């Protein structure tokens, strides 16, 4: 991997972590997908596969 690619990944990773932190601070769950499964990281730090009531229609 080139030096520029490494630098871009470093900057992008930092931006994602900042956005994730800000979402949790604002009471918004972070949503992840791993091996086809959806996970929610709730503002209290809990990780669950149960969809929060705020996300149901």
C-alpha atoms as a PDB file:
ATOM      1  CA  UNK A   1       0.000   0.000   0.000  1.00  0.00           C
ATOM      2  CA  UNK A   2       1.349   3.400  -0.934  1.00  0.00           C
ATOM      3  CA  UNK A   3       2.070   6.107   1.614  1.00  0.00           C
ATOM      4  CA  UNK A   4      -0.755   8.271   0.257  1.00  0.00           C
ATOM      5  CA  UNK A   5      -3.240   5.387   0.562  1.00  0.00           C
ATOM      6  CA  UNK A   6      -2.143   4.811   4.167  1.00  0.00           C
ATOM      7  CA  UNK A   7      -2.610   8.509   4.939  1.00  0.00           C
ATOM      8  CA  UNK A   8      -6.080   8.561   3.363  1.00  0.00           C
ATOM      9  CA  UNK A   9      -7.122   5.503   5.403  1.00  0.00           C
ATOM     10  CA  UNK A  10      -5.767   7.116   8.580  1.00  0.00           C
ATOM     11  CA  UNK A  11      -7.741  10.319   7.975  1.00  0.00           C
ATOM     12  CA  UNK A  12     -10.908   8.404   7.038  1.00  0.00           C
ATOM     13  CA  UNK A  13     -10.669   6.170  10.114  1.00  0.00           C
ATOM     14  CA  UNK A  14     -10.296   9.189  12.382  1.00  0.00           C
ATOM     15  CA  UNK A  15     -13.323  10.870  10.760  1.00  0.00           C
ATOM     16  CA  UNK A  16     -15.478   7.744  11.175  1.00  0.00           C
ATOM     17  CA  UNK A  17     -14.558   7.389  14.856  1.00  0.00           C
ATOM     18  CA  UNK A  18     -15.401  11.056  15.432  1.00  0.00           C
ATOM     19  CA  UNK A  19     -18.784  10.680  13.704  1.00  0.00           C
ATOM     20  CA  UNK A  20     -19.582   7.522  15.680  1.00  0.00           C
ATOM     21  CA  UNK A  21     -18.744   9.235  18.963  1.00  0.00           C
ATOM     22  CA  UNK A  22     -20.841  12.277  18.062  1.00  0.00           C
ATOM     23  CA  UNK A  23     -23.830  10.096  17.134  1.00  0.00           C
ATOM     24  CA  UNK A  24     -23.749   8.315  20.483  1.00  0.00           C
ATOM     25  CA  UNK A  25     -23.403  11.627  22.329  1.00  0.00           C
ATOM     26  CA  UNK A  26     -26.523  12.846  20.493  1.00  0.00           C
ATOM     27  CA  UNK A  27     -28.513   9.740  21.446  1.00  0.00           C
ATOM     28  CA  UNK A  28     -28.340   8.101  18.024  1.00  0.00           C
ATOM     29  CA  UNK A  29     -27.432   4.428  17.701  1.00  0.00           C
ATOM     30  CA  UNK A  30     -24.587   3.399  15.419  1.00  0.00           C
ATOM     31  CA  UNK A  31     -25.543   0.623  13.001  1.00  0.00           C
ATOM     32  CA  UNK A  32     -23.102  -2.023  11.791  1.00  0.00           C
ATOM     33  CA  UNK A  33     -23.290  -5.049   9.539  1.00  0.00           C
ATOM     34  CA  UNK A  34     -21.074  -8.091  10.056  1.00  0.00           C
ATOM     35  CA  UNK A  35     -21.425 -11.339   8.115  1.00  0.00           C
ATOM     36  CA  UNK A  36     -24.870 -10.256   6.934  1.00  0.00           C
ATOM     37  CA  UNK A  37     -26.122  -9.530  10.468  1.00  0.00           C
ATOM     38  CA  UNK A  38     -27.168  -6.040  11.625  1.00  0.00           C
ATOM     39  CA  UNK A  39     -25.955  -4.776  15.003  1.00  0.00           C
ATOM     40  CA  UNK A  40     -26.918  -1.605  16.849  1.00  0.00           C
ATOM     41  CA  UNK A  41     -24.585   0.165  19.261  1.00  0.00           C
ATOM     42  CA  UNK A  42     -26.867   2.077  21.582  1.00  0.00           C
ATOM     43  CA  UNK A  43     -25.903   5.383  23.205  1.00  0.00           C
ATOM     44  CA  UNK A  44     -25.363   3.578  26.548  1.00  0.00           C
ATOM     45  CA  UNK A  45     -22.733   1.361  24.875  1.00  0.00           C
ATOM     46  CA  UNK A  46     -24.915  -1.747  24.593  1.00  0.00           C
ATOM     47  CA  UNK A  47     -24.538  -3.726  21.375  1.00  0.00           C
ATOM     48  CA  UNK A  48     -27.649  -5.610  20.284  1.00  0.00           C
ATOM     49  CA  UNK A  49     -29.333  -7.113  17.253  1.00  0.00           C
ATOM     50  CA  UNK A  50     -32.725  -5.865  18.434  1.00  0.00           C
ATOM     51  CA  UNK A  51     -33.839  -2.904  16.382  1.00  0.00           C
ATOM     52  CA  UNK A  52     -34.385   0.163  18.595  1.00  0.00           C
ATOM     53  CA  UNK A  53     -37.978   1.392  18.672  1.00  0.00           C
ATOM     54  CA  UNK A  54     -36.829   4.686  17.096  1.00  0.00           C
ATOM     55  CA  UNK A  55     -35.938   2.743  13.925  1.00  0.00           C
ATOM     56  CA  UNK A  56     -39.284   0.978  13.469  1.00  0.00           C
ATOM     57  CA  UNK A  57     -42.001   2.349  11.243  1.00  0.00           C
END
